[in-house]
Each structure stands twice: as C-alpha cells, then as structure tokens.
C-alpha cells in the first residue's frame, strides 16, 4: 500500500505540475504544448481515480491525492519561473537627460530595442523615460543596467505584454 501511495503521490505531483503549466501556457497563448499536456493529464487522472475509488484504503489515497495536488501546483510555479515564457515592457525613469541617454545607448549596444520619451512629472517637471521590450527570461540580466543612484533604486515599471507586432519583434 505504501509503495502505491508513493507512486500515486509522485505521479499526481507531475500531473498537477503539468496542469499548472497548461493554465499558464493558455493564458500566454502558447497552445502547442497544451494539447499534449491535457492528454497526459487525462490518462494520469483516470488511472489515479480508478485506484482511489477501487480500494478499501481509499481514504489514504484520497488524502494523498489532495495533498499532492497542492504540491503539484507549487512545482508548476517553480518550473514556469525557470522557463519564464512571455514578453515584458520595461520603463526606466530619470530626472537627468544625460543619464537617460547614457543608459539608453548602453542598452542598445547590448542588443535591446530602446525608445526614449520625454514625460512630465510633479508640477510639470521634465522626466525622461527609457522604454524597451524584452523576453521575460532576460529580465534578470536587463536589471543590471538599472544601477542604483545615491543608494536609492531607480524607478522602473515592468509590465507583462501579450504580443508585439512589426519590426521590433525581430529584436526580441
């Protein structure tokens, strides 16, 4: 019985990890892997449910099934963070035009597509914005360009975007 419980626990952890990834893929419109994930998940679910319902020790299987569903979602989140699918838009704000220009050029040399924008902050004070689109998995390396100033972190806004059209797509 304990061997079977361990096997069900392991299999269900994988199944729920896949289920979490399926939800994330659908929300990000990556449909190709979803079809395979749904098939595998359905087979696993059918096998496990037949085991849970068809035995005298059903309560142990039910508890293992319920516990592992939570563990599987947790593992799916970890895997998704490692894969880091998707696109981001990052905007970095500056008070100094020279610093903005310097970082914008540094980002361009590193291969990022960059736009610079003049904006207006409190009381109409000029602010400068560096905008770029990047892969989510590149965010960590991108952050090294955003160096703190006077011991304070720069203001940077990062937004998830669903798609990019046109020439900029070749750069990401």
N, C-alpha and C. Protein backbone atom coordinates (compact mmCIF):
# COMPACT_ATOMS: atom_id res chain seq x y z
N UNK A 1 0.82 -1.20 0.00
CA UNK A 1 0.00 0.00 0.00
C UNK A 1 0.87 1.26 0.00
N UNK A 2 1.93 1.29 0.80
CA UNK A 2 2.76 2.50 0.88
C UNK A 2 3.50 2.76 -0.43
N UNK A 3 3.90 1.70 -1.09
CA UNK A 3 4.55 1.86 -2.39
C UNK A 3 3.56 2.48 -3.38
N UNK A 4 2.33 1.96 -3.37
CA UNK A 4 1.31 2.52 -4.26
C UNK A 4 1.02 3.98 -3.93
N UNK A 5 0.94 4.30 -2.64
CA UNK A 5 0.70 5.69 -2.23
C UNK A 5 1.84 6.60 -2.71
N UNK A 6 3.06 6.13 -2.58
CA UNK A 6 4.20 6.91 -3.05
C UNK A 6 4.14 7.11 -4.56
N UNK A 7 3.81 6.05 -5.28
CA UNK A 7 3.71 6.16 -6.74
C UNK A 7 2.61 7.14 -7.14
N UNK A 8 1.47 7.04 -6.50
CA UNK A 8 0.36 7.96 -6.81
C UNK A 8 0.76 9.39 -6.48
N UNK A 9 1.42 9.57 -5.35
CA UNK A 9 1.86 10.90 -4.95
C UNK A 9 2.81 11.49 -5.98
N UNK A 10 3.77 10.72 -6.40
CA UNK A 10 4.75 11.19 -7.40
C UNK A 10 4.06 11.48 -8.74
N UNK A 11 3.23 10.57 -9.17
CA UNK A 11 2.55 10.75 -10.46
C UNK A 11 1.63 11.96 -10.41
N UNK A 12 0.91 12.15 -9.32
CA UNK A 12 0.00 13.29 -9.22
C UNK A 12 0.76 14.61 -9.11
N UNK A 13 1.92 14.60 -8.49
CA UNK A 13 2.72 15.83 -8.44
C UNK A 13 3.10 16.24 -9.85
N UNK A 14 3.50 15.28 -10.66
CA UNK A 14 3.84 15.57 -12.05
C UNK A 14 2.60 16.05 -12.80
N UNK A 15 1.47 15.38 -12.59
CA UNK A 15 0.23 15.75 -13.28
C UNK A 15 -0.21 17.17 -12.92
N UNK A 16 -0.14 17.52 -11.65
CA UNK A 16 -0.56 18.87 -11.26
C UNK A 16 0.44 19.93 -11.68
N UNK A 17 1.69 19.57 -11.74
CA UNK A 17 2.69 20.48 -12.30
C UNK A 17 2.34 20.75 -13.76
N UNK A 18 2.02 19.70 -14.50
CA UNK A 18 1.61 19.86 -15.90
C UNK A 18 0.34 20.68 -16.02
N UNK A 19 -0.59 20.45 -15.12
CA UNK A 19 -1.85 21.20 -15.15
C UNK A 19 -1.62 22.69 -14.91
N UNK A 20 -0.74 23.02 -14.00
CA UNK A 20 -0.41 24.42 -13.75
C UNK A 20 0.25 25.03 -14.97
N UNK A 21 1.18 24.30 -15.57
CA UNK A 21 1.83 24.80 -16.79
C UNK A 21 0.82 24.98 -17.91
N UNK A 22 -0.15 24.06 -18.00
CA UNK A 22 -1.19 24.18 -19.02
C UNK A 22 -1.95 25.50 -18.86
N UNK A 23 -2.33 25.82 -17.65
CA UNK A 23 -3.05 27.06 -17.39
C UNK A 23 -2.21 28.27 -17.77
N UNK A 24 -0.95 28.23 -17.42
CA UNK A 24 -0.05 29.35 -17.74
C UNK A 24 0.14 29.47 -19.24
N UNK A 25 0.34 28.32 -19.92
CA UNK A 25 0.51 28.36 -21.38
C UNK A 25 -0.73 28.91 -22.07
N UNK A 26 -1.90 28.51 -21.62
CA UNK A 26 -3.13 29.01 -22.23
C UNK A 26 -3.26 30.51 -22.02
N UNK A 27 -2.96 30.97 -20.81
CA UNK A 27 -3.07 32.41 -20.53
C UNK A 27 -2.08 33.23 -21.35
N UNK A 28 -0.96 32.63 -21.72
CA UNK A 28 0.04 33.34 -22.52
C UNK A 28 -0.08 33.01 -24.01
N UNK A 29 -1.11 32.24 -24.36
CA UNK A 29 -1.41 31.89 -25.75
C UNK A 29 -0.32 31.04 -26.42
N UNK A 30 0.30 30.14 -25.64
CA UNK A 30 1.22 29.14 -26.17
C UNK A 30 0.46 27.81 -26.21
N UNK A 31 -0.25 27.56 -27.31
CA UNK A 31 -1.18 26.44 -27.35
C UNK A 31 -0.55 25.10 -27.74
N UNK A 32 0.57 25.08 -28.45
CA UNK A 32 1.13 23.83 -28.94
C UNK A 32 1.37 22.80 -27.83
N UNK A 33 2.02 23.15 -26.71
CA UNK A 33 2.24 22.11 -25.70
C UNK A 33 0.99 21.73 -24.91
N UNK A 34 -0.04 22.57 -24.99
CA UNK A 34 -1.24 22.34 -24.17
C UNK A 34 -1.94 21.04 -24.57
N UNK A 35 -2.01 20.73 -25.85
CA UNK A 35 -2.71 19.53 -26.31
C UNK A 35 -2.08 18.26 -25.73
N UNK A 36 -0.78 18.20 -25.75
CA UNK A 36 -0.07 17.04 -25.19
C UNK A 36 -0.26 16.98 -23.68
N UNK A 37 -0.15 18.10 -23.02
CA UNK A 37 -0.29 18.15 -21.56
C UNK A 37 -1.68 17.67 -21.13
N UNK A 38 -2.71 18.11 -21.83
CA UNK A 38 -4.08 17.70 -21.49
C UNK A 38 -4.24 16.19 -21.66
N UNK A 39 -3.70 15.63 -22.72
CA UNK A 39 -3.80 14.18 -22.95
C UNK A 39 -3.11 13.41 -21.82
N UNK A 40 -1.88 13.76 -21.52
CA UNK A 40 -1.13 13.07 -20.46
C UNK A 40 -1.84 13.22 -19.12
N UNK A 41 -2.31 14.42 -18.84
CA UNK A 41 -3.00 14.68 -17.58
C UNK A 41 -4.28 13.84 -17.46
N UNK A 42 -5.02 13.69 -18.54
CA UNK A 42 -6.25 12.90 -18.52
C UNK A 42 -5.96 11.43 -18.25
N UNK A 43 -4.92 10.90 -18.87
CA UNK A 43 -4.54 9.50 -18.64
C UNK A 43 -4.15 9.30 -17.18
N UNK A 44 -3.32 10.18 -16.67
CA UNK A 44 -2.89 10.07 -15.27
C UNK A 44 -4.09 10.16 -14.33
N UNK A 45 -4.96 11.10 -14.58
CA UNK A 45 -6.14 11.29 -13.73
C UNK A 45 -7.01 10.03 -13.72
N UNK A 46 -7.25 9.45 -14.89
CA UNK A 46 -8.09 8.25 -14.98
C UNK A 46 -7.48 7.09 -14.20
N UNK A 47 -6.17 6.90 -14.33
CA UNK A 47 -5.50 5.79 -13.63
C UNK A 47 -5.56 6.01 -12.12
N UNK A 48 -5.28 7.23 -11.68
CA UNK A 48 -5.25 7.51 -10.24
C UNK A 48 -6.65 7.42 -9.64
N UNK A 49 -7.63 7.96 -10.31
CA UNK A 49 -9.00 7.91 -9.78
C UNK A 49 -9.49 6.47 -9.66
N UNK A 50 -9.14 5.64 -10.64
CA UNK A 50 -9.56 4.24 -10.54
C UNK A 50 -8.92 3.58 -9.31
N UNK A 51 -7.73 3.99 -8.97
CA UNK A 51 -7.05 3.44 -7.78
C UNK A 51 -7.68 3.98 -6.50
N UNK A 52 -8.02 5.28 -6.50
CA UNK A 52 -8.59 5.90 -5.30
C UNK A 52 -9.96 5.32 -5.00
N UNK A 53 -10.77 5.15 -6.00
CA UNK A 53 -12.15 4.71 -5.80
C UNK A 53 -12.22 3.19 -5.62
N UNK A 54 -11.31 2.45 -6.21
CA UNK A 54 -11.44 0.99 -6.24
C UNK A 54 -10.75 0.24 -5.13
N UNK A 55 -10.36 0.88 -4.04
CA UNK A 55 -9.67 0.13 -2.98
C UNK A 55 -10.32 0.36 -1.63
N UNK A 56 -10.00 -0.56 -0.71
CA UNK A 56 -10.53 -0.44 0.65
C UNK A 56 -9.83 0.70 1.40
N UNK A 57 -8.57 0.95 1.08
CA UNK A 57 -7.82 2.02 1.74
C UNK A 57 -8.04 3.35 1.04
N UNK A 58 -9.19 3.55 0.47
CA UNK A 58 -9.50 4.73 -0.32
C UNK A 58 -9.21 6.04 0.37
N UNK A 59 -9.41 6.13 1.68
CA UNK A 59 -9.19 7.39 2.40
C UNK A 59 -7.73 7.81 2.33
N UNK A 60 -6.81 6.86 2.40
CA UNK A 60 -5.38 7.20 2.29
C UNK A 60 -5.06 7.74 0.90
N UNK A 61 -5.65 7.11 -0.11
CA UNK A 61 -5.43 7.57 -1.48
C UNK A 61 -6.04 8.95 -1.70
N UNK A 62 -7.20 9.17 -1.10
CA UNK A 62 -7.84 10.48 -1.24
C UNK A 62 -6.98 11.56 -0.59
N UNK A 63 -6.46 11.29 0.61
CA UNK A 63 -5.60 12.27 1.29
C UNK A 63 -4.31 12.51 0.51
N UNK A 64 -3.72 11.45 -0.01
CA UNK A 64 -2.51 11.61 -0.81
C UNK A 64 -2.82 12.40 -2.07
N UNK A 65 -3.94 12.10 -2.71
CA UNK A 65 -4.37 12.81 -3.91
C UNK A 65 -4.54 14.30 -3.64
N UNK A 66 -5.20 14.64 -2.55
CA UNK A 66 -5.46 16.05 -2.22
C UNK A 66 -4.17 16.78 -1.87
N UNK A 67 -3.31 16.16 -1.09
CA UNK A 67 -2.05 16.78 -0.70
C UNK A 67 -1.16 17.04 -1.92
N UNK A 68 -1.08 16.07 -2.78
CA UNK A 68 -0.20 16.18 -3.93
C UNK A 68 -0.69 17.20 -4.95
N UNK A 69 -1.99 17.44 -5.00
CA UNK A 69 -2.49 18.48 -5.91
C UNK A 69 -1.87 19.82 -5.55
N UNK A 70 -1.78 20.14 -4.28
CA UNK A 70 -1.15 21.40 -3.84
C UNK A 70 0.34 21.40 -4.16
N UNK A 71 1.01 20.31 -3.90
CA UNK A 71 2.44 20.22 -4.19
C UNK A 71 2.69 20.38 -5.69
N UNK A 72 1.84 19.79 -6.50
CA UNK A 72 1.99 19.88 -7.95
C UNK A 72 1.85 21.31 -8.46
N UNK A 73 0.91 22.06 -7.90
CA UNK A 73 0.75 23.46 -8.30
C UNK A 73 1.99 24.25 -7.92
N UNK A 74 2.52 24.00 -6.73
CA UNK A 74 3.74 24.66 -6.28
C UNK A 74 4.90 24.36 -7.24
N UNK A 75 5.08 23.09 -7.59
CA UNK A 75 6.15 22.70 -8.51
C UNK A 75 5.94 23.31 -9.90
N UNK A 76 4.70 23.39 -10.34
CA UNK A 76 4.40 24.01 -11.64
C UNK A 76 4.81 25.47 -11.67
N UNK A 77 4.58 26.17 -10.57
CA UNK A 77 5.01 27.57 -10.48
C UNK A 77 6.52 27.71 -10.56
N UNK A 78 7.23 26.80 -9.92
CA UNK A 78 8.70 26.83 -9.97
C UNK A 78 9.19 26.59 -11.39
N UNK A 79 8.63 25.59 -12.04
CA UNK A 79 9.03 25.29 -13.42
C UNK A 79 8.73 26.48 -14.33
N UNK A 80 7.56 27.07 -14.17
CA UNK A 80 7.19 28.21 -15.01
C UNK A 80 8.14 29.38 -14.81
N UNK A 81 8.55 29.63 -13.59
CA UNK A 81 9.52 30.70 -13.33
C UNK A 81 10.87 30.41 -13.96
N UNK A 82 11.26 29.16 -14.01
CA UNK A 82 12.52 28.79 -14.66
C UNK A 82 12.43 28.95 -16.17
N UNK A 83 11.30 28.55 -16.76
CA UNK A 83 11.12 28.66 -18.21
C UNK A 83 10.93 30.12 -18.60
N UNK A 84 10.19 30.87 -17.80
CA UNK A 84 9.97 32.32 -17.96
C UNK A 84 9.53 32.70 -19.37
N UNK A 85 8.42 32.14 -19.79
CA UNK A 85 7.87 32.47 -21.10
C UNK A 85 7.20 33.83 -21.07
N UNK A 86 7.19 34.50 -22.19
CA UNK A 86 6.46 35.74 -22.31
C UNK A 86 7.33 36.95 -22.57
N UNK A 87 6.67 38.06 -22.78
CA UNK A 87 7.34 39.33 -23.08
C UNK A 87 7.01 40.36 -22.02
N UNK A 88 7.96 41.26 -21.82
CA UNK A 88 7.79 42.34 -20.86
C UNK A 88 8.10 43.68 -21.51
N UNK A 89 7.50 44.71 -20.99
CA UNK A 89 7.89 46.06 -21.34
C UNK A 89 8.44 46.68 -20.07
N UNK A 90 9.64 47.22 -20.16
CA UNK A 90 10.27 47.85 -19.01
C UNK A 90 10.45 49.34 -19.30
N UNK A 91 10.06 50.15 -18.35
CA UNK A 91 10.23 51.61 -18.45
C UNK A 91 11.07 52.06 -17.26
N UNK A 92 12.16 52.74 -17.55
CA UNK A 92 13.05 53.25 -16.51
C UNK A 92 12.94 54.78 -16.53
N UNK A 93 12.78 55.38 -15.38
CA UNK A 93 12.55 56.83 -15.28
C UNK A 93 13.79 57.55 -14.76
N UNK A 94 14.06 58.72 -15.34
CA UNK A 94 15.23 59.52 -14.99
C UNK A 94 14.84 60.99 -14.83
N UNK A 95 15.58 61.69 -13.99
CA UNK A 95 15.45 63.15 -13.89
C UNK A 95 16.51 63.84 -14.75
N UNK A 96 17.55 63.11 -15.08
CA UNK A 96 18.70 63.67 -15.78
C UNK A 96 18.75 63.11 -17.21
N UNK A 97 18.70 64.00 -18.20
CA UNK A 97 18.68 63.59 -19.61
C UNK A 97 19.98 62.88 -20.00
N UNK A 98 21.11 63.32 -19.47
CA UNK A 98 22.40 62.71 -19.81
C UNK A 98 22.46 61.26 -19.33
N UNK A 99 22.00 61.00 -18.10
CA UNK A 99 22.00 59.63 -17.57
C UNK A 99 21.04 58.75 -18.37
N UNK A 100 19.89 59.32 -18.74
CA UNK A 100 18.92 58.57 -19.54
C UNK A 100 19.54 58.18 -20.87
N UNK A 101 20.18 59.13 -21.52
CA UNK A 101 20.79 58.90 -22.83
C UNK A 101 21.90 57.86 -22.73
N UNK A 102 22.69 57.95 -21.68
CA UNK A 102 23.79 57.01 -21.47
C UNK A 102 23.29 55.58 -21.32
N UNK A 103 22.28 55.38 -20.48
CA UNK A 103 21.74 54.02 -20.27
C UNK A 103 21.02 53.53 -21.52
N UNK A 104 20.32 54.41 -22.21
CA UNK A 104 19.64 54.02 -23.45
C UNK A 104 20.65 53.50 -24.47
N UNK A 105 21.77 54.21 -24.61
CA UNK A 105 22.81 53.77 -25.55
C UNK A 105 23.45 52.46 -25.11
N UNK A 106 23.65 52.31 -23.81
CA UNK A 106 24.22 51.07 -23.26
C UNK A 106 23.29 49.89 -23.56
N UNK A 107 21.99 50.10 -23.40
CA UNK A 107 21.02 49.05 -23.70
C UNK A 107 21.00 48.72 -25.19
N UNK A 108 21.10 49.72 -26.03
CA UNK A 108 21.13 49.49 -27.48
C UNK A 108 22.36 48.67 -27.87
N UNK A 109 23.51 49.00 -27.28
CA UNK A 109 24.74 48.24 -27.56
C UNK A 109 24.60 46.78 -27.12
N UNK A 110 23.81 46.57 -26.07
CA UNK A 110 23.59 45.21 -25.57
C UNK A 110 22.56 44.45 -26.41
N UNK A 111 21.95 45.13 -27.39
CA UNK A 111 21.02 44.45 -28.28
C UNK A 111 19.55 44.68 -28.01
N UNK A 112 19.24 45.51 -27.04
CA UNK A 112 17.84 45.80 -26.74
C UNK A 112 17.31 46.88 -27.69
N UNK A 113 16.04 46.76 -28.02
CA UNK A 113 15.35 47.80 -28.78
C UNK A 113 14.87 48.83 -27.77
N UNK A 114 15.26 50.10 -27.97
CA UNK A 114 15.01 51.12 -26.94
C UNK A 114 14.33 52.34 -27.55
N UNK A 115 13.35 52.86 -26.83
CA UNK A 115 12.75 54.16 -27.15
C UNK A 115 13.01 55.07 -25.95
N UNK A 116 13.22 56.34 -26.24
CA UNK A 116 13.32 57.32 -25.15
C UNK A 116 12.19 58.32 -25.31
N UNK A 117 11.64 58.73 -24.20
CA UNK A 117 10.46 59.59 -24.19
C UNK A 117 10.65 60.68 -23.15
N UNK A 118 10.21 61.89 -23.49
CA UNK A 118 10.17 62.96 -22.51
C UNK A 118 8.78 62.95 -21.89
N UNK A 119 8.73 62.94 -20.58
CA UNK A 119 7.46 62.94 -19.85
C UNK A 119 7.50 64.09 -18.85
N UNK A 120 6.40 64.31 -18.19
CA UNK A 120 6.33 65.38 -17.21
C UNK A 120 5.80 64.83 -15.91
N UNK A 121 6.54 65.11 -14.84
CA UNK A 121 6.18 64.62 -13.52
C UNK A 121 5.47 65.68 -12.70
N UNK A 122 5.68 65.63 -11.40
CA UNK A 122 5.04 66.54 -10.46
C UNK A 122 5.36 68.00 -10.81
N UNK A 123 4.36 68.84 -10.81
CA UNK A 123 4.48 70.26 -11.13
C UNK A 123 5.07 70.50 -12.53
N UNK A 124 4.86 69.57 -13.43
CA UNK A 124 5.32 69.75 -14.80
C UNK A 124 6.82 69.58 -15.00
N UNK A 125 7.51 69.06 -13.99
CA UNK A 125 8.95 68.86 -14.09
C UNK A 125 9.26 67.77 -15.13
N UNK A 126 10.25 68.06 -16.00
CA UNK A 126 10.62 67.11 -17.05
C UNK A 126 11.19 65.83 -16.45
N UNK A 127 10.73 64.71 -17.01
CA UNK A 127 11.26 63.39 -16.67
C UNK A 127 11.61 62.72 -17.99
N UNK A 128 12.51 61.79 -17.94
CA UNK A 128 12.95 61.08 -19.14
C UNK A 128 12.72 59.59 -18.91
N UNK A 129 12.20 58.94 -19.94
CA UNK A 129 11.83 57.53 -19.82
C UNK A 129 12.54 56.72 -20.90
N UNK A 130 13.12 55.60 -20.48
CA UNK A 130 13.69 54.63 -21.41
C UNK A 130 12.72 53.45 -21.44
N UNK A 131 12.20 53.15 -22.63
CA UNK A 131 11.25 52.05 -22.80
C UNK A 131 11.92 50.95 -23.64
N UNK A 132 11.69 49.72 -23.23
CA UNK A 132 12.19 48.61 -24.03
C UNK A 132 11.30 47.39 -23.86
N UNK A 133 11.30 46.52 -24.86
CA UNK A 133 10.56 45.27 -24.82
C UNK A 133 11.58 44.15 -24.76
N UNK A 134 11.35 43.19 -23.87
CA UNK A 134 12.32 42.11 -23.70
C UNK A 134 11.62 40.81 -23.36
N UNK A 135 12.34 39.72 -23.50
CA UNK A 135 11.84 38.42 -23.08
C UNK A 135 11.86 38.37 -21.56
N UNK A 136 10.86 37.71 -20.99
CA UNK A 136 10.78 37.62 -19.54
C UNK A 136 12.00 36.94 -18.93
N UNK A 137 12.55 35.97 -19.65
CA UNK A 137 13.72 35.26 -19.12
C UNK A 137 14.97 36.15 -19.10
N UNK A 138 14.94 37.29 -19.83
CA UNK A 138 16.07 38.21 -19.85
C UNK A 138 15.99 39.31 -18.79
N UNK A 139 14.94 39.31 -17.98
CA UNK A 139 14.74 40.40 -17.02
C UNK A 139 15.90 40.52 -16.02
N UNK A 140 16.41 39.41 -15.56
CA UNK A 140 17.49 39.45 -14.58
C UNK A 140 18.74 40.14 -15.17
N UNK A 141 19.11 39.78 -16.38
CA UNK A 141 20.28 40.42 -16.99
C UNK A 141 19.99 41.88 -17.36
N UNK A 142 18.74 42.17 -17.69
CA UNK A 142 18.34 43.54 -18.01
C UNK A 142 18.50 44.45 -16.78
N UNK A 143 18.17 43.93 -15.61
CA UNK A 143 18.21 44.74 -14.38
C UNK A 143 19.61 45.25 -14.05
N UNK A 144 20.64 44.61 -14.57
CA UNK A 144 21.99 45.07 -14.26
C UNK A 144 22.27 46.45 -14.87
N UNK A 145 21.49 46.83 -15.87
CA UNK A 145 21.64 48.16 -16.47
C UNK A 145 21.01 49.26 -15.60
N UNK A 146 20.14 48.85 -14.71
CA UNK A 146 19.41 49.81 -13.88
C UNK A 146 20.12 49.91 -12.54
N UNK A 147 21.18 50.69 -12.53
CA UNK A 147 22.02 50.79 -11.34
C UNK A 147 21.43 51.80 -10.35
N UNK A 148 21.54 51.51 -9.06
CA UNK A 148 21.06 52.46 -8.06
C UNK A 148 21.85 53.78 -8.13
N UNK A 149 21.22 54.84 -7.72
CA UNK A 149 21.88 56.14 -7.70
C UNK A 149 21.74 56.73 -6.30
N UNK A 150 22.86 57.15 -5.74
CA UNK A 150 22.89 57.70 -4.38
C UNK A 150 22.26 56.75 -3.36
N UNK A 151 22.49 55.45 -3.54
CA UNK A 151 21.97 54.46 -2.61
C UNK A 151 20.50 54.14 -2.78
N UNK A 152 19.84 54.76 -3.76
CA UNK A 152 18.42 54.51 -3.96
C UNK A 152 18.21 53.83 -5.31
N UNK A 153 17.28 52.89 -5.33
CA UNK A 153 16.99 52.21 -6.59
C UNK A 153 16.26 53.15 -7.53
N UNK A 154 16.51 52.99 -8.82
CA UNK A 154 15.80 53.76 -9.84
C UNK A 154 14.37 53.28 -9.92
N UNK A 155 13.50 54.17 -10.37
CA UNK A 155 12.12 53.77 -10.61
C UNK A 155 12.08 53.04 -11.94
N UNK A 156 11.58 51.81 -11.91
CA UNK A 156 11.42 51.02 -13.11
C UNK A 156 10.07 50.33 -13.03
N UNK A 157 9.29 50.44 -14.09
CA UNK A 157 8.00 49.78 -14.17
C UNK A 157 8.12 48.65 -15.20
N UNK A 158 7.73 47.45 -14.80
CA UNK A 158 7.78 46.30 -15.70
C UNK A 158 6.35 45.78 -15.86
N UNK A 159 5.93 45.68 -17.13
CA UNK A 159 4.57 45.21 -17.43
C UNK A 159 4.66 44.00 -18.34
N UNK A 160 3.77 43.04 -18.11
CA UNK A 160 3.70 41.90 -19.00
C UNK A 160 2.87 42.29 -20.22
N UNK A 161 3.34 41.91 -21.40
CA UNK A 161 2.61 42.21 -22.63
C UNK A 161 2.31 40.90 -23.34
N UNK A 162 1.23 40.90 -24.11
CA UNK A 162 0.81 39.64 -24.73
C UNK A 162 1.45 39.40 -26.09
N UNK A 163 1.76 40.46 -26.84
CA UNK A 163 2.36 40.24 -28.14
C UNK A 163 2.97 41.54 -28.66
N UNK A 164 3.84 41.40 -29.63
CA UNK A 164 4.48 42.54 -30.28
C UNK A 164 4.35 42.33 -31.78
N UNK A 165 4.08 43.39 -32.51
CA UNK A 165 3.94 43.31 -33.95
C UNK A 165 4.95 44.23 -34.60
N UNK A 166 5.34 43.91 -35.80
CA UNK A 166 6.22 44.78 -36.57
C UNK A 166 7.68 44.43 -36.44
N UNK A 167 8.55 45.39 -36.81
CA UNK A 167 9.99 45.15 -36.84
C UNK A 167 10.60 44.87 -35.49
N UNK A 168 10.02 45.40 -34.43
CA UNK A 168 10.60 45.22 -33.10
C UNK A 168 10.65 43.74 -32.71
N UNK A 169 9.75 42.92 -33.25
CA UNK A 169 9.70 41.50 -32.90
C UNK A 169 10.99 40.78 -33.25
N UNK A 170 11.70 41.23 -34.28
CA UNK A 170 12.96 40.61 -34.67
C UNK A 170 14.03 40.81 -33.61
N UNK A 171 13.89 41.84 -32.80
CA UNK A 171 14.90 42.15 -31.78
C UNK A 171 14.67 41.42 -30.46
N UNK A 172 13.54 40.75 -30.31
CA UNK A 172 13.30 40.07 -29.04
C UNK A 172 13.15 38.58 -29.20
